[in-house]
């Protein structure tokens, strides 16, 4: 299984436009550190689905990063 942010540029560009977001999310789920509800989706994380996220460092200051939740440690 490959996470959505791990897709290469070639893989990202070749995603079939006839796939549904739920199918994409099943095949390429959001990163484990991401707490954004349905991040891989039409109304999901724009940075993630826009292929800007390259790793956890990109998301470390996001309010949806699991470590930013009260009671969670980094």
N, C-alpha and C. Protein backbone atom coordinates (compact mmCIF):
# COMPACT_ATOMS: atom_id res chain seq x y z
N UNK A 1 0.85 -1.18 0.00
CA UNK A 1 0.00 0.00 0.00
C UNK A 1 0.89 1.24 0.00
N UNK A 2 0.52 2.20 -0.77
CA UNK A 2 1.25 3.46 -0.87
C UNK A 2 0.32 4.57 -0.40
N UNK A 3 0.85 5.44 0.46
CA UNK A 3 0.07 6.59 0.91
C UNK A 3 0.03 7.64 -0.19
N UNK A 4 -1.02 8.46 -0.17
CA UNK A 4 -1.24 9.43 -1.25
C UNK A 4 -0.03 10.34 -1.45
N UNK A 5 0.57 10.78 -0.36
CA UNK A 5 1.71 11.70 -0.49
C UNK A 5 2.96 11.02 -1.03
N UNK A 6 2.97 9.70 -1.09
CA UNK A 6 4.12 8.96 -1.60
C UNK A 6 4.06 8.71 -3.10
N UNK A 7 2.98 9.10 -3.74
CA UNK A 7 2.88 8.93 -5.18
C UNK A 7 3.96 9.76 -5.87
N UNK A 8 4.60 9.18 -6.87
CA UNK A 8 5.55 9.95 -7.66
C UNK A 8 4.76 10.92 -8.54
N UNK A 9 5.45 11.88 -9.10
CA UNK A 9 4.77 12.83 -9.98
C UNK A 9 4.13 12.11 -11.16
N UNK A 10 4.81 11.12 -11.69
CA UNK A 10 4.27 10.34 -12.82
C UNK A 10 3.01 9.59 -12.39
N UNK A 11 3.05 8.95 -11.22
CA UNK A 11 1.88 8.23 -10.71
C UNK A 11 0.72 9.19 -10.45
N UNK A 12 1.03 10.33 -9.87
CA UNK A 12 0.00 11.33 -9.58
C UNK A 12 -0.67 11.81 -10.86
N UNK A 13 0.15 12.10 -11.87
CA UNK A 13 -0.38 12.59 -13.15
C UNK A 13 -1.18 11.52 -13.89
N UNK A 14 -0.88 10.26 -13.62
CA UNK A 14 -1.57 9.19 -14.35
C UNK A 14 -2.81 8.66 -13.64
N UNK A 15 -3.18 9.26 -12.50
CA UNK A 15 -4.40 8.80 -11.81
C UNK A 15 -5.58 8.90 -12.76
N UNK A 16 -6.36 7.90 -12.76
CA UNK A 16 -7.52 7.86 -13.67
C UNK A 16 -8.60 8.81 -13.16
N UNK A 17 -9.02 9.70 -14.00
CA UNK A 17 -10.03 10.67 -13.62
C UNK A 17 -11.40 10.03 -13.43
N UNK A 18 -11.57 8.79 -13.86
CA UNK A 18 -12.86 8.12 -13.68
C UNK A 18 -12.96 7.43 -12.32
N UNK A 19 -11.87 7.45 -11.53
CA UNK A 19 -11.92 6.88 -10.18
C UNK A 19 -12.63 7.83 -9.24
N UNK A 20 -13.35 7.28 -8.30
CA UNK A 20 -14.00 8.13 -7.29
C UNK A 20 -12.99 8.46 -6.20
N UNK A 21 -13.28 9.51 -5.43
CA UNK A 21 -12.39 9.88 -4.33
C UNK A 21 -12.32 8.77 -3.30
N UNK A 22 -13.42 8.08 -3.07
CA UNK A 22 -13.39 7.00 -2.08
C UNK A 22 -12.49 5.86 -2.56
N UNK A 23 -12.48 5.61 -3.86
CA UNK A 23 -11.60 4.59 -4.41
C UNK A 23 -10.14 5.02 -4.26
N UNK A 24 -9.85 6.28 -4.57
CA UNK A 24 -8.48 6.78 -4.41
C UNK A 24 -8.04 6.71 -2.95
N UNK A 25 -8.93 7.10 -2.03
CA UNK A 25 -8.60 7.08 -0.61
C UNK A 25 -8.34 5.66 -0.12
N UNK A 26 -9.03 4.70 -0.70
CA UNK A 26 -8.82 3.31 -0.32
C UNK A 26 -7.48 2.81 -0.85
N UNK A 27 -7.16 3.15 -2.08
CA UNK A 27 -5.91 2.71 -2.70
C UNK A 27 -4.70 3.49 -2.19
N UNK A 28 -4.90 4.78 -1.92
CA UNK A 28 -3.81 5.67 -1.48
C UNK A 28 -4.30 6.52 -0.31
N UNK A 29 -4.31 5.96 0.89
CA UNK A 29 -4.87 6.68 2.04
C UNK A 29 -4.02 7.87 2.47
N UNK A 30 -4.62 8.69 3.31
CA UNK A 30 -3.90 9.84 3.85
C UNK A 30 -2.83 9.36 4.82
N UNK A 31 -1.82 10.19 5.07
CA UNK A 31 -0.74 9.80 5.99
C UNK A 31 -1.27 9.52 7.39
N UNK A 32 -0.56 8.67 8.11
CA UNK A 32 -0.97 8.30 9.45
C UNK A 32 -0.98 9.49 10.41
N UNK A 33 -0.16 10.49 10.18
CA UNK A 33 -0.10 11.65 11.08
C UNK A 33 -1.23 12.64 10.82
N UNK A 34 -2.00 12.42 9.77
CA UNK A 34 -3.04 13.38 9.37
C UNK A 34 -4.38 13.06 10.02
N UNK A 35 -4.94 14.06 10.68
CA UNK A 35 -6.23 13.92 11.34
C UNK A 35 -7.34 14.66 10.59
N UNK A 36 -7.04 15.13 9.38
CA UNK A 36 -8.03 15.84 8.58
C UNK A 36 -9.07 14.82 8.13
N UNK A 37 -10.35 15.08 8.41
CA UNK A 37 -11.38 14.11 8.00
C UNK A 37 -11.45 13.97 6.48
N UNK A 38 -11.29 12.77 5.99
CA UNK A 38 -11.37 12.49 4.55
C UNK A 38 -10.40 13.37 3.76
N UNK A 39 -9.14 13.40 4.19
CA UNK A 39 -8.12 14.25 3.57
C UNK A 39 -7.96 13.96 2.07
N UNK A 40 -8.08 12.70 1.69
CA UNK A 40 -8.06 12.35 0.27
C UNK A 40 -9.51 12.33 -0.18
N UNK A 41 -9.94 13.46 -0.70
CA UNK A 41 -11.32 13.61 -1.13
C UNK A 41 -11.53 14.94 -1.81
N UNK A 42 -12.64 15.08 -2.47
CA UNK A 42 -12.94 16.30 -3.21
C UNK A 42 -12.88 17.55 -2.33
N UNK A 43 -13.30 17.42 -1.08
CA UNK A 43 -13.25 18.55 -0.15
C UNK A 43 -12.19 18.32 0.92
N UNK A 44 -11.20 17.53 0.58
CA UNK A 44 -10.16 17.15 1.53
C UNK A 44 -9.06 18.19 1.65
N UNK A 45 -7.91 17.74 2.07
CA UNK A 45 -6.75 18.61 2.26
C UNK A 45 -6.21 19.04 0.91
N UNK A 46 -6.28 20.32 0.63
CA UNK A 46 -5.85 20.81 -0.68
C UNK A 46 -4.36 20.61 -0.90
N UNK A 47 -3.58 20.70 0.16
CA UNK A 47 -2.13 20.46 0.01
C UNK A 47 -1.86 19.01 -0.34
N UNK A 48 -2.59 18.10 0.26
CA UNK A 48 -2.39 16.68 0.00
C UNK A 48 -2.88 16.30 -1.39
N UNK A 49 -4.11 16.65 -1.72
CA UNK A 49 -4.63 16.24 -3.03
C UNK A 49 -4.03 17.07 -4.16
N UNK A 50 -3.44 18.20 -3.83
CA UNK A 50 -2.73 19.00 -4.82
C UNK A 50 -1.30 18.56 -5.02
N UNK A 51 -0.92 17.50 -4.33
CA UNK A 51 0.40 16.87 -4.43
C UNK A 51 1.52 17.79 -3.97
N UNK A 52 1.25 18.59 -2.94
CA UNK A 52 2.27 19.45 -2.36
C UNK A 52 2.96 18.79 -1.18
N UNK A 53 2.26 17.90 -0.48
CA UNK A 53 2.81 17.24 0.70
C UNK A 53 3.82 16.19 0.26
N UNK A 54 5.05 16.35 0.74
CA UNK A 54 6.12 15.41 0.39
C UNK A 54 6.53 14.55 1.58
N UNK A 55 6.08 14.92 2.76
CA UNK A 55 6.41 14.18 3.96
C UNK A 55 5.84 14.87 5.18
N UNK A 56 6.08 14.29 6.34
CA UNK A 56 5.49 14.80 7.59
C UNK A 56 5.96 16.22 7.91
N UNK A 57 7.19 16.56 7.56
CA UNK A 57 7.68 17.91 7.86
C UNK A 57 6.81 18.99 7.23
N UNK A 58 6.25 18.72 6.05
CA UNK A 58 5.38 19.68 5.39
C UNK A 58 4.16 19.99 6.27
N UNK A 59 3.70 19.00 7.00
CA UNK A 59 2.46 19.10 7.77
C UNK A 59 2.65 19.41 9.25
N UNK A 60 3.88 19.53 9.70
CA UNK A 60 4.13 19.60 11.14
C UNK A 60 3.44 20.77 11.83
N UNK A 61 3.16 21.86 11.12
CA UNK A 61 2.50 23.01 11.73
C UNK A 61 0.99 23.06 11.45
N UNK A 62 0.49 22.07 10.78
CA UNK A 62 -0.94 22.01 10.45
C UNK A 62 -1.76 21.68 11.70
N UNK A 63 -2.89 22.33 11.84
CA UNK A 63 -3.76 22.05 13.00
C UNK A 63 -4.36 20.65 12.94
N UNK A 64 -4.27 20.00 11.80
CA UNK A 64 -4.79 18.64 11.66
C UNK A 64 -3.71 17.57 11.84
N UNK A 65 -2.50 17.99 12.12
CA UNK A 65 -1.43 17.02 12.42
C UNK A 65 -1.75 16.42 13.77
N UNK A 66 -1.72 15.10 13.86
CA UNK A 66 -2.12 14.41 15.10
C UNK A 66 -1.36 14.90 16.32
N UNK A 67 -0.13 15.32 16.17
CA UNK A 67 0.66 15.78 17.32
C UNK A 67 0.20 17.14 17.81
N UNK A 68 -0.61 17.86 17.04
CA UNK A 68 -1.06 19.19 17.46
C UNK A 68 -2.36 19.11 18.27
N UNK A 69 -2.92 17.91 18.41
CA UNK A 69 -4.15 17.73 19.18
C UNK A 69 -3.85 17.72 20.68
N UNK A 70 -4.71 18.30 21.48
CA UNK A 70 -4.50 18.26 22.94
C UNK A 70 -4.35 16.83 23.44
N UNK A 71 -3.36 16.63 24.30
CA UNK A 71 -3.12 15.31 24.85
C UNK A 71 -2.23 14.43 24.00
N UNK A 72 -1.86 14.91 22.82
CA UNK A 72 -0.98 14.14 21.94
C UNK A 72 0.43 14.67 22.07
N UNK A 73 1.39 13.80 22.02
CA UNK A 73 2.78 14.24 22.09
C UNK A 73 3.44 14.10 20.74
N UNK A 74 4.44 14.93 20.48
CA UNK A 74 5.16 14.89 19.21
C UNK A 74 6.19 13.82 19.21
